[in-house]
């Protein structure tokens, strides 16, 4: 039996910077997270745009969920040679919700995660979205069903006690337009 099982969901942009808009006088870029798939982004907000971290403690029967957003850095590159303008903004976690429970036998935790966060530098920008139903068992197995947007990259990891984390799901982003409309990517994984 596992004592503690962690499940981590993150959305991140694998690019260093992405061009958002270009005019004859400037280019507007947003900083990505410049990384590949990894569990090691806990307490490192520059490595994700949005994250939810579940900790199921089967010894105590507690289930804790932490919702986090990473910073949004905007860079304006002036084509006339003026110095770049860089600003940093942070969206909030107000649209990131969850419900969590542990059964009375302390053998199974059930968690619903709703992640939603947008770019605070762009008025009316669409959210990065996900909805996941997570079942965590005391034997260390985890199942996740749900859906997410096709942008940016998404990953779901599990870590049982002090063992090496295991990737349950990885998704390489499509394009920025996938943020608009419904969540079009389905998830159904276990391990």
N, C-alpha and C. Protein backbone atom coordinates (compact mmCIF):
# COMPACT_ATOMS: atom_id res chain seq x y z
N UNK A 1 0.84 -1.19 0.00
CA UNK A 1 0.00 0.00 0.00
C UNK A 1 0.88 1.25 0.00
N UNK A 2 0.48 2.22 -0.78
CA UNK A 2 1.19 3.50 -0.84
C UNK A 2 0.72 4.38 0.31
N UNK A 3 1.62 5.16 0.86
CA UNK A 3 1.23 6.14 1.87
C UNK A 3 0.77 7.45 1.22
N UNK A 4 1.59 7.96 0.29
CA UNK A 4 1.26 9.23 -0.37
C UNK A 4 1.39 9.06 -1.88
N UNK A 5 0.33 9.45 -2.59
CA UNK A 5 0.35 9.45 -4.05
C UNK A 5 0.08 10.88 -4.50
N UNK A 6 0.97 11.38 -5.36
CA UNK A 6 0.82 12.73 -5.91
C UNK A 6 0.47 12.63 -7.38
N UNK A 7 -0.45 13.48 -7.83
CA UNK A 7 -0.80 13.58 -9.24
C UNK A 7 -0.62 15.05 -9.62
N UNK A 8 0.15 15.29 -10.67
CA UNK A 8 0.44 16.67 -11.09
C UNK A 8 0.02 16.87 -12.53
N UNK A 9 -0.82 17.87 -12.76
CA UNK A 9 -1.25 18.24 -14.10
C UNK A 9 -0.68 19.63 -14.40
N UNK A 10 -0.08 19.79 -15.56
CA UNK A 10 0.46 21.09 -15.94
C UNK A 10 0.20 21.36 -17.41
N UNK A 11 0.10 22.66 -17.71
CA UNK A 11 0.06 23.14 -19.09
C UNK A 11 1.25 24.08 -19.23
N UNK A 12 2.01 23.92 -20.30
CA UNK A 12 3.20 24.73 -20.49
C UNK A 12 3.46 24.95 -21.97
N UNK A 13 4.24 25.98 -22.27
CA UNK A 13 4.63 26.28 -23.65
C UNK A 13 6.09 25.90 -23.79
N UNK A 14 6.37 24.97 -24.69
CA UNK A 14 7.72 24.44 -24.82
C UNK A 14 8.70 25.41 -25.49
N UNK A 15 8.19 26.46 -26.15
CA UNK A 15 9.05 27.44 -26.81
C UNK A 15 9.65 28.41 -25.80
N UNK A 16 10.75 29.07 -26.21
CA UNK A 16 11.35 30.12 -25.40
C UNK A 16 10.45 31.37 -25.43
N UNK A 17 10.14 31.87 -26.63
CA UNK A 17 9.23 33.00 -26.83
C UNK A 17 8.34 32.67 -28.02
N UNK A 18 7.09 33.16 -28.01
CA UNK A 18 6.22 32.98 -29.17
C UNK A 18 5.76 34.36 -29.64
N UNK A 19 5.76 34.53 -30.95
CA UNK A 19 5.29 35.78 -31.56
C UNK A 19 3.78 35.82 -31.49
N UNK A 20 3.24 36.88 -30.89
CA UNK A 20 1.80 37.05 -30.79
C UNK A 20 1.28 38.00 -31.86
N UNK A 21 2.02 39.08 -32.11
CA UNK A 21 1.55 40.09 -33.04
C UNK A 21 2.74 40.84 -33.60
N UNK A 22 2.64 41.20 -34.89
CA UNK A 22 3.70 41.98 -35.52
C UNK A 22 3.06 43.12 -36.32
N UNK A 23 3.61 44.32 -36.14
CA UNK A 23 3.17 45.50 -36.90
C UNK A 23 4.40 46.07 -37.59
N UNK A 24 4.26 47.10 -38.40
CA UNK A 24 5.44 47.70 -39.03
C UNK A 24 6.42 48.32 -38.01
N UNK A 25 5.96 48.63 -36.79
CA UNK A 25 6.83 49.29 -35.82
C UNK A 25 7.32 48.39 -34.68
N UNK A 26 6.63 47.30 -34.40
CA UNK A 26 7.05 46.45 -33.29
C UNK A 26 6.56 45.02 -33.47
N UNK A 27 7.17 44.14 -32.70
CA UNK A 27 6.72 42.76 -32.57
C UNK A 27 6.41 42.48 -31.11
N UNK A 28 5.28 41.83 -30.84
CA UNK A 28 4.88 41.50 -29.47
C UNK A 28 5.06 40.00 -29.27
N UNK A 29 5.84 39.64 -28.27
CA UNK A 29 6.15 38.26 -27.95
C UNK A 29 5.70 37.93 -26.53
N UNK A 30 5.39 36.66 -26.29
CA UNK A 30 5.12 36.18 -24.94
C UNK A 30 6.09 35.05 -24.64
N UNK A 31 6.60 35.07 -23.41
CA UNK A 31 7.57 34.07 -23.00
C UNK A 31 6.91 32.73 -22.78
N UNK A 32 7.55 31.70 -23.32
CA UNK A 32 7.12 30.34 -23.05
C UNK A 32 7.85 29.81 -21.83
N UNK A 33 7.80 28.52 -21.65
CA UNK A 33 8.47 27.90 -20.50
C UNK A 33 9.77 27.22 -20.89
N UNK A 34 10.01 27.12 -22.21
CA UNK A 34 11.30 26.65 -22.74
C UNK A 34 11.75 25.34 -22.10
N UNK A 35 10.86 24.33 -22.15
CA UNK A 35 11.19 23.03 -21.56
C UNK A 35 10.44 21.91 -22.26
N UNK A 36 10.83 20.70 -21.95
CA UNK A 36 10.11 19.53 -22.40
C UNK A 36 9.26 18.98 -21.27
N UNK A 37 8.82 17.75 -21.41
CA UNK A 37 7.96 17.13 -20.40
C UNK A 37 8.79 16.74 -19.18
N UNK A 38 8.31 17.13 -17.99
CA UNK A 38 9.01 16.80 -16.74
C UNK A 38 8.08 16.96 -15.55
N UNK A 39 8.28 16.12 -14.57
CA UNK A 39 7.55 16.25 -13.30
C UNK A 39 8.13 17.40 -12.47
N UNK A 40 9.41 17.67 -12.68
CA UNK A 40 10.15 18.60 -11.84
C UNK A 40 9.84 20.06 -12.14
N UNK A 41 8.59 20.43 -11.91
CA UNK A 41 8.21 21.84 -12.03
C UNK A 41 7.52 22.32 -10.76
N UNK A 42 7.48 21.48 -9.73
CA UNK A 42 6.85 21.84 -8.47
C UNK A 42 7.58 23.04 -7.87
N UNK A 43 6.81 24.05 -7.45
CA UNK A 43 7.36 25.27 -6.86
C UNK A 43 8.31 26.02 -7.79
N UNK A 44 8.13 25.85 -9.09
CA UNK A 44 8.92 26.58 -10.08
C UNK A 44 7.97 27.17 -11.12
N UNK A 45 7.26 28.26 -10.77
CA UNK A 45 6.21 28.78 -11.64
C UNK A 45 6.67 29.23 -13.02
N UNK A 46 7.96 29.45 -13.22
CA UNK A 46 8.43 29.80 -14.55
C UNK A 46 8.44 28.60 -15.49
N UNK A 47 8.12 27.41 -14.97
CA UNK A 47 8.11 26.20 -15.80
C UNK A 47 6.72 25.77 -16.25
N UNK A 48 5.68 26.58 -15.95
CA UNK A 48 4.34 26.23 -16.39
C UNK A 48 3.49 27.49 -16.50
N UNK A 49 2.41 27.36 -17.26
CA UNK A 49 1.40 28.43 -17.33
C UNK A 49 0.31 28.17 -16.31
N UNK A 50 0.03 26.89 -16.05
CA UNK A 50 -1.03 26.52 -15.13
C UNK A 50 -0.72 25.12 -14.59
N UNK A 51 -1.02 24.89 -13.29
CA UNK A 51 -0.76 23.58 -12.69
C UNK A 51 -1.76 23.31 -11.58
N UNK A 52 -2.11 22.04 -11.42
CA UNK A 52 -2.86 21.58 -10.26
C UNK A 52 -2.16 20.33 -9.74
N UNK A 53 -1.93 20.31 -8.45
CA UNK A 53 -1.15 19.26 -7.81
C UNK A 53 -2.01 18.63 -6.72
N UNK A 54 -2.22 17.33 -6.81
CA UNK A 54 -3.05 16.59 -5.86
C UNK A 54 -2.13 15.74 -4.99
N UNK A 55 -2.37 15.78 -3.68
CA UNK A 55 -1.64 14.93 -2.74
C UNK A 55 -2.66 14.11 -1.95
N UNK A 56 -2.67 12.80 -2.20
CA UNK A 56 -3.56 11.88 -1.47
C UNK A 56 -2.73 11.16 -0.42
N UNK A 57 -3.06 11.39 0.85
CA UNK A 57 -2.34 10.77 1.96
C UNK A 57 -3.23 9.65 2.53
N UNK A 58 -2.89 8.41 2.20
CA UNK A 58 -3.71 7.28 2.62
C UNK A 58 -3.51 6.93 4.09
N UNK A 59 -2.45 7.40 4.69
CA UNK A 59 -2.25 7.17 6.13
C UNK A 59 -3.21 8.02 6.96
N UNK A 60 -3.45 9.26 6.52
CA UNK A 60 -4.31 10.17 7.28
C UNK A 60 -5.71 10.31 6.70
N UNK A 61 -5.88 9.92 5.43
CA UNK A 61 -7.17 10.10 4.76
C UNK A 61 -7.37 11.49 4.18
N UNK A 62 -6.32 12.30 4.15
CA UNK A 62 -6.42 13.67 3.63
C UNK A 62 -6.14 13.72 2.13
N UNK A 63 -6.86 14.58 1.44
CA UNK A 63 -6.61 14.86 0.03
C UNK A 63 -6.50 16.37 -0.11
N UNK A 64 -5.33 16.82 -0.54
CA UNK A 64 -5.09 18.26 -0.73
C UNK A 64 -4.85 18.54 -2.20
N UNK A 65 -5.37 19.67 -2.67
CA UNK A 65 -5.18 20.10 -4.06
C UNK A 65 -4.64 21.52 -4.05
N UNK A 66 -3.59 21.74 -4.84
CA UNK A 66 -2.96 23.05 -4.95
C UNK A 66 -3.08 23.52 -6.39
N UNK A 67 -3.61 24.72 -6.59
CA UNK A 67 -3.76 25.31 -7.92
C UNK A 67 -2.78 26.47 -8.05
N UNK A 68 -2.07 26.52 -9.18
CA UNK A 68 -1.03 27.53 -9.37
C UNK A 68 -1.02 28.02 -10.81
N UNK A 69 -0.59 29.27 -10.99
CA UNK A 69 -0.35 29.81 -12.32
C UNK A 69 1.07 30.34 -12.37
N UNK A 70 1.65 30.30 -13.55
CA UNK A 70 2.98 30.86 -13.75
C UNK A 70 2.88 32.28 -14.28
N UNK A 71 3.98 33.00 -14.29
CA UNK A 71 3.97 34.39 -14.75
C UNK A 71 3.80 34.49 -16.27
N UNK A 72 3.24 35.61 -16.71
CA UNK A 72 3.15 35.94 -18.13
C UNK A 72 4.11 37.10 -18.38
N UNK A 73 5.13 36.85 -19.19
CA UNK A 73 6.07 37.92 -19.54
C UNK A 73 5.84 38.31 -20.99
N UNK A 74 5.68 39.59 -21.20
CA UNK A 74 5.44 40.15 -22.53
C UNK A 74 6.67 40.97 -22.92
N UNK A 75 7.14 40.77 -24.14
CA UNK A 75 8.27 41.55 -24.65
C UNK A 75 7.85 42.25 -25.94
N UNK A 76 8.05 43.56 -25.96
CA UNK A 76 7.83 44.33 -27.18
C UNK A 76 9.20 44.63 -27.78
N UNK A 77 9.41 44.19 -29.01
CA UNK A 77 10.65 44.47 -29.73
C UNK A 77 10.35 45.60 -30.71
N UNK A 78 11.01 46.74 -30.49
CA UNK A 78 10.81 47.91 -31.35
C UNK A 78 11.75 47.82 -32.54
N UNK A 79 11.20 47.96 -33.74
CA UNK A 79 12.00 47.82 -34.95
C UNK A 79 12.84 49.06 -35.26
N UNK A 80 12.64 50.16 -34.51
CA UNK A 80 13.43 51.37 -34.73
C UNK A 80 14.71 51.38 -33.91
N UNK A 81 15.00 50.29 -33.22
CA UNK A 81 16.23 50.20 -32.44
C UNK A 81 16.08 50.59 -30.98
N UNK A 82 14.91 51.05 -30.56
CA UNK A 82 14.70 51.38 -29.15
C UNK A 82 14.83 50.10 -28.31
N UNK A 83 15.16 50.25 -27.02
CA UNK A 83 15.27 49.07 -26.16
C UNK A 83 13.94 48.31 -26.06
N UNK A 84 14.04 47.00 -25.95
CA UNK A 84 12.85 46.18 -25.76
C UNK A 84 12.13 46.60 -24.49
N UNK A 85 10.82 46.46 -24.49
CA UNK A 85 10.00 46.70 -23.31
C UNK A 85 9.53 45.35 -22.80
N UNK A 86 9.81 45.07 -21.53
CA UNK A 86 9.40 43.78 -20.94
C UNK A 86 8.53 44.05 -19.72
N UNK A 87 7.39 43.37 -19.66
CA UNK A 87 6.51 43.49 -18.49
C UNK A 87 6.11 42.08 -18.04
N UNK A 88 5.87 41.94 -16.74
CA UNK A 88 5.47 40.66 -16.17
C UNK A 88 4.12 40.82 -15.49
N UNK A 89 3.20 39.93 -15.82
CA UNK A 89 1.86 39.94 -15.24
C UNK A 89 1.55 38.55 -14.71
N UNK A 90 0.57 38.49 -13.81
CA UNK A 90 0.16 37.20 -13.27
C UNK A 90 -1.35 37.15 -13.24
N UNK A 91 -1.91 36.12 -13.86
CA UNK A 91 -3.35 35.90 -13.79
C UNK A 91 -3.65 35.28 -12.43
N UNK A 92 -4.91 35.11 -12.12
CA UNK A 92 -5.24 34.51 -10.83
C UNK A 92 -5.74 33.08 -11.02
N UNK A 93 -5.98 32.42 -9.91
CA UNK A 93 -6.45 31.03 -9.94
C UNK A 93 -7.95 30.95 -9.68
N UNK A 94 -8.66 32.07 -9.83
CA UNK A 94 -10.09 32.13 -9.51
C UNK A 94 -10.96 31.17 -10.28
N UNK A 95 -10.56 30.80 -11.49
CA UNK A 95 -11.35 29.86 -12.29
C UNK A 95 -10.80 28.44 -12.22
N UNK A 96 -9.85 28.21 -11.32
CA UNK A 96 -9.31 26.86 -11.12
C UNK A 96 -10.00 26.28 -9.88
N UNK A 97 -10.79 25.23 -10.09
CA UNK A 97 -11.58 24.67 -9.00
C UNK A 97 -11.32 23.17 -8.88
N UNK A 98 -11.81 22.60 -7.79
CA UNK A 98 -11.68 21.17 -7.59
C UNK A 98 -12.66 20.71 -6.53
N UNK A 99 -12.93 19.42 -6.54
CA UNK A 99 -13.58 18.74 -5.43
C UNK A 99 -12.74 17.49 -5.16
N UNK A 100 -12.62 17.12 -3.90
CA UNK A 100 -11.79 15.98 -3.54
C UNK A 100 -12.39 15.26 -2.35
N UNK A 101 -12.31 13.93 -2.37
CA UNK A 101 -12.78 13.15 -1.24
C UNK A 101 -12.00 11.84 -1.15
N UNK A 102 -12.00 11.28 0.05
CA UNK A 102 -11.37 9.98 0.31
C UNK A 102 -12.46 9.08 0.88
N UNK A 103 -12.52 7.82 0.44
CA UNK A 103 -13.54 6.93 0.99
C UNK A 103 -13.22 6.59 2.45
N UNK A 104 -14.19 6.09 3.17
CA UNK A 104 -14.03 5.87 4.61
C UNK A 104 -12.99 4.79 4.92
N UNK A 105 -12.75 3.88 3.99
CA UNK A 105 -11.74 2.84 4.20
C UNK A 105 -10.32 3.34 3.92
N UNK A 106 -10.21 4.56 3.44
CA UNK A 106 -8.91 5.17 3.08
C UNK A 106 -8.17 4.35 2.03
N UNK A 107 -8.93 3.87 1.03
CA UNK A 107 -8.33 3.09 -0.05
C UNK A 107 -8.46 3.76 -1.41
N UNK A 108 -9.29 4.82 -1.51
CA UNK A 108 -9.49 5.46 -2.80
C UNK A 108 -9.84 6.94 -2.62
N UNK A 109 -9.12 7.78 -3.38
CA UNK A 109 -9.42 9.22 -3.42
C UNK A 109 -10.00 9.53 -4.79
N UNK A 110 -11.03 10.38 -4.80
CA UNK A 110 -11.66 10.81 -6.03
C UNK A 110 -11.55 12.33 -6.11
N UNK A 111 -11.04 12.83 -7.25
CA UNK A 111 -10.79 14.26 -7.39
C UNK A 111 -11.29 14.73 -8.75
N UNK A 112 -11.99 15.85 -8.75
CA UNK A 112 -12.37 16.53 -9.99
C UNK A 112 -11.55 17.81 -10.07
N UNK A 113 -10.85 18.00 -11.19
CA UNK A 113 -10.03 19.20 -11.40
C UNK A 113 -10.58 20.00 -12.56
N UNK A 114 -10.73 21.29 -12.36
CA UNK A 114 -11.11 22.22 -13.44
C UNK A 114 -10.04 23.30 -13.47
N UNK A 115 -9.28 23.32 -14.54
CA UNK A 115 -8.25 24.33 -14.72
C UNK A 115 -8.68 25.32 -15.78
N UNK A 116 -8.55 26.61 -15.49
CA UNK A 116 -8.88 27.66 -16.46
C UNK A 116 -8.11 28.92 -16.10
N UNK A 117 -7.31 29.40 -17.04
CA UNK A 117 -6.51 30.60 -16.80
C UNK A 117 -6.18 31.22 -18.16
N UNK A 118 -6.22 32.56 -18.22
CA UNK A 118 -5.96 33.21 -19.51
C UNK A 118 -4.71 34.09 -19.43
N UNK A 119 -4.42 34.73 -20.54
CA UNK A 119 -3.28 35.64 -20.65
C UNK A 119 -3.72 37.01 -20.16
N UNK A 120 -3.21 37.48 -19.02
CA UNK A 120 -3.67 38.76 -18.46
C UNK A 120 -3.24 39.97 -19.26
N UNK A 121 -2.34 39.80 -20.22
CA UNK A 121 -1.87 40.93 -21.01
C UNK A 121 -2.73 41.19 -22.24
N UNK A 122 -3.67 40.27 -22.54
CA UNK A 122 -4.50 40.40 -23.73
C UNK A 122 -5.97 40.39 -23.31
N UNK A 123 -6.64 41.52 -23.44
CA UNK A 123 -8.06 41.60 -23.10
C UNK A 123 -8.86 40.59 -23.91
N UNK A 124 -9.72 39.85 -23.23
CA UNK A 124 -10.59 38.89 -23.91
C UNK A 124 -9.91 37.63 -24.37
N UNK A 125 -8.69 37.38 -23.91
CA UNK A 125 -7.99 36.17 -24.35
C UNK A 125 -8.70 34.93 -23.80
N UNK A 126 -8.68 33.84 -24.58
CA UNK A 126 -9.34 32.62 -24.10
C UNK A 126 -8.52 31.94 -23.02
N UNK A 127 -9.19 31.15 -22.22
CA UNK A 127 -8.51 30.39 -21.16
C UNK A 127 -7.78 29.19 -21.74
N UNK A 128 -6.70 28.81 -21.07
CA UNK A 128 -6.17 27.46 -21.17
C UNK A 128 -7.11 26.65 -20.28
N UNK A 129 -7.66 25.56 -20.80
CA UNK A 129 -8.68 24.80 -20.06
C UNK A 129 -8.34 23.33 -19.94
N UNK A 130 -8.79 22.75 -18.82
CA UNK A 130 -8.88 21.30 -18.68
C UNK A 130 -9.96 20.95 -17.67
N UNK A 131 -10.48 19.74 -17.81
CA UNK A 131 -11.39 19.13 -16.84
C UNK A 131 -10.97 17.68 -16.72
N UNK A 132 -10.61 17.27 -15.51
CA UNK A 132 -10.15 15.90 -15.29
C UNK A 132 -10.87 15.28 -14.10
N UNK A 133 -11.24 14.02 -14.24
CA UNK A 133 -11.71 13.20 -13.13
C UNK A 133 -10.57 12.23 -12.81
N UNK A 134 -10.09 12.30 -11.58
CA UNK A 134 -8.92 11.53 -11.16
C UNK A 134 -9.33 10.57 -10.05
N UNK A 135 -8.95 9.31 -10.20
CA UNK A 135 -9.17 8.31 -9.16
C UNK A 135 -7.79 7.78 -8.76
N UNK A 136 -7.50 7.92 -7.46
CA UNK A 136 -6.20 7.50 -6.91
C UNK A 136 -6.46 6.38 -5.91
N UNK A 137 -5.81 5.25 -6.14
CA UNK A 137 -5.99 4.09 -5.26
C UNK A 137 -4.80 3.90 -4.33
N UNK A 138 -5.06 3.30 -3.17
CA UNK A 138 -4.00 3.11 -2.17
C UNK A 138 -2.92 2.15 -2.63
N UNK A 139 -3.17 1.37 -3.69
CA UNK A 139 -2.11 0.51 -4.24
C UNK A 139 -1.20 1.28 -5.20
N UNK A 140 -1.45 2.60 -5.36
CA UNK A 140 -0.60 3.44 -6.20
C UNK A 140 -1.08 3.63 -7.62
N UNK A 141 -2.16 2.94 -8.01
CA UNK A 141 -2.67 3.13 -9.37
C UNK A 141 -3.51 4.40 -9.44
N UNK A 142 -3.46 5.02 -10.59
CA UNK A 142 -4.18 6.28 -10.85
C UNK A 142 -4.85 6.17 -12.20
N UNK A 143 -6.09 6.66 -12.28
CA UNK A 143 -6.75 6.78 -13.59
C UNK A 143 -7.24 8.22 -13.74
N UNK A 144 -7.14 8.71 -14.97
CA UNK A 144 -7.55 10.07 -15.29
C UNK A 144 -8.37 10.04 -16.56
N UNK A 145 -9.58 10.62 -16.50
CA UNK A 145 -10.40 10.81 -17.69
C UNK A 145 -10.77 12.29 -17.76
N UNK A 146 -10.96 12.78 -18.97
CA UNK A 146 -11.36 14.17 -19.10
C UNK A 146 -11.00 14.73 -20.46
N UNK A 147 -10.75 16.06 -20.48
CA UNK A 147 -10.46 16.74 -21.75
C UNK A 147 -9.68 18.02 -21.47
N UNK A 148 -9.04 18.51 -22.54
CA UNK A 148 -8.27 19.75 -22.45
C UNK A 148 -8.17 20.39 -23.82
N UNK A 149 -7.71 21.64 -23.84
CA UNK A 149 -7.47 22.36 -25.10
C UNK A 149 -6.28 21.76 -25.83
N UNK A 150 -6.21 22.03 -27.14
CA UNK A 150 -5.08 21.57 -27.94
C UNK A 150 -3.86 22.48 -27.88
N UNK A 151 -3.91 23.51 -27.08
CA UNK A 151 -2.77 24.40 -26.84
C UNK A 151 -2.83 24.84 -25.40
N UNK A 152 -1.74 24.92 -24.69
CA UNK A 152 -0.37 24.52 -25.05
C UNK A 152 -0.13 23.04 -24.78
N UNK A 153 1.12 22.68 -24.45
CA UNK A 153 1.43 21.30 -24.10
C UNK A 153 0.77 20.97 -22.75
N UNK A 154 0.38 19.72 -22.59
CA UNK A 154 -0.23 19.25 -21.34
C UNK A 154 0.50 17.99 -20.89
N UNK A 155 0.56 17.82 -19.57
CA UNK A 155 1.17 16.61 -19.01
C UNK A 155 0.49 16.25 -17.69
N UNK A 156 0.43 14.94 -17.43
CA UNK A 156 -0.11 14.42 -16.18
C UNK A 156 0.89 13.39 -15.65
N UNK A 157 1.31 13.59 -14.41
CA UNK A 157 2.30 12.73 -13.78
C UNK A 157 1.75 12.15 -12.48
N UNK A 158 2.30 11.02 -12.08
CA UNK A 158 2.01 10.50 -10.74
C UNK A 158 3.34 10.18 -10.07
N UNK A 159 3.33 10.32 -8.75
CA UNK A 159 4.50 9.95 -7.95
C UNK A 159 3.99 9.24 -6.71
N UNK A 160 4.46 8.01 -6.51
CA UNK A 160 4.04 7.19 -5.38
C UNK A 160 5.16 7.19 -4.34
N UNK A 161 4.83 7.68 -3.14
CA UNK A 161 5.80 7.80 -2.05
C UNK A 161 7.07 8.48 -2.57
N UNK A 162 8.23 7.88 -2.37
CA UNK A 162 9.48 8.52 -2.82
C UNK A 162 10.00 7.91 -4.13
N UNK A 163 9.15 7.18 -4.83
CA UNK A 163 9.55 6.56 -6.09
C UNK A 163 9.72 7.61 -7.19
N UNK A 164 10.33 7.19 -8.28
CA UNK A 164 10.53 8.06 -9.43
C UNK A 164 9.16 8.39 -10.03
N UNK A 165 8.90 9.66 -10.37
CA UNK A 165 7.62 10.02 -10.99
C UNK A 165 7.42 9.30 -12.33
N UNK A 166 6.16 9.04 -12.66
CA UNK A 166 5.82 8.35 -13.91
C UNK A 166 4.86 9.23 -14.72
N UNK A 167 5.19 9.44 -15.99
CA UNK A 167 4.30 10.19 -16.87
C UNK A 167 3.11 9.31 -17.23
N UNK A 168 1.91 9.79 -16.93
CA UNK A 168 0.70 9.08 -17.33
C UNK A 168 0.21 9.56 -18.68
N UNK A 169 0.49 10.85 -19.00
CA UNK A 169 -0.04 11.44 -20.23
C UNK A 169 0.82 12.64 -20.61
N UNK A 170 1.18 12.71 -21.88
CA UNK A 170 1.85 13.90 -22.43
C UNK A 170 1.19 14.26 -23.75
N UNK A 171 1.06 15.55 -23.98
CA UNK A 171 0.44 16.04 -25.21
C UNK A 171 1.26 17.20 -25.75
N UNK A 172 1.72 17.07 -27.00
CA UNK A 172 2.45 18.13 -27.67
C UNK A 172 1.46 19.10 -28.31
N UNK A 173 1.59 20.37 -28.02
CA UNK A 173 0.64 21.40 -28.47
C UNK A 173 0.43 21.38 -29.98
N UNK A 174 -0.76 21.85 -30.38
CA UNK A 174 -1.03 22.04 -31.81
C UNK A 174 -0.73 23.49 -32.14
N UNK A 175 -1.74 24.36 -32.22
CA UNK A 175 -1.49 25.77 -32.48
C UNK A 175 -2.36 26.64 -31.59
N UNK A 176 -2.03 27.91 -31.54
CA UNK A 176 -2.67 28.85 -30.63
C UNK A 176 -4.19 28.92 -30.81
N UNK A 177 -4.68 28.71 -32.03
CA UNK A 177 -6.13 28.79 -32.28
C UNK A 177 -6.90 27.70 -31.53
N UNK A 178 -6.21 26.65 -31.05
CA UNK A 178 -6.88 25.58 -30.31
C UNK A 178 -7.40 26.04 -28.95
N UNK A 179 -7.01 27.24 -28.52
CA UNK A 179 -7.55 27.78 -27.26
C UNK A 179 -9.00 28.24 -27.41
N UNK A 180 -9.39 28.54 -28.63
CA UNK A 180 -10.75 29.03 -28.88
C UNK A 180 -11.70 27.85 -29.04
N UNK A 181 -12.92 28.01 -28.58
CA UNK A 181 -13.91 26.94 -28.71
C UNK A 181 -13.82 25.93 -27.59
N UNK A 182 -14.40 24.77 -27.83
CA UNK A 182 -14.47 23.71 -26.82
C UNK A 182 -13.13 23.01 -26.64
N UNK A 183 -12.98 22.35 -25.51
CA UNK A 183 -11.82 21.50 -25.28
C UNK A 183 -11.95 20.29 -26.20
N UNK A 184 -10.99 20.13 -27.10
CA UNK A 184 -11.13 19.12 -28.14
C UNK A 184 -10.27 17.87 -27.94
N UNK A 185 -9.46 17.81 -26.91
CA UNK A 185 -8.58 16.66 -26.70
C UNK A 185 -9.09 15.82 -25.52
N UNK A 186 -9.33 14.54 -25.75
CA UNK A 186 -9.82 13.64 -24.71
C UNK A 186 -8.67 12.91 -24.03
N UNK A 187 -8.83 12.64 -22.75
CA UNK A 187 -7.84 11.92 -21.98
C UNK A 187 -8.51 10.74 -21.30
N UNK A 188 -7.90 9.57 -21.39
CA UNK A 188 -8.38 8.38 -20.70
C UNK A 188 -7.15 7.50 -20.45
N UNK A 189 -6.50 7.69 -19.30
CA UNK A 189 -5.26 7.00 -19.01
C UNK A 189 -5.30 6.38 -17.62
N UNK A 190 -4.48 5.37 -17.44
CA UNK A 190 -4.33 4.81 -16.09
C UNK A 190 -2.94 4.20 -15.99
N UNK A 191 -2.50 4.05 -14.78
CA UNK A 191 -1.18 3.47 -14.56
C UNK A 191 -0.80 3.52 -13.10
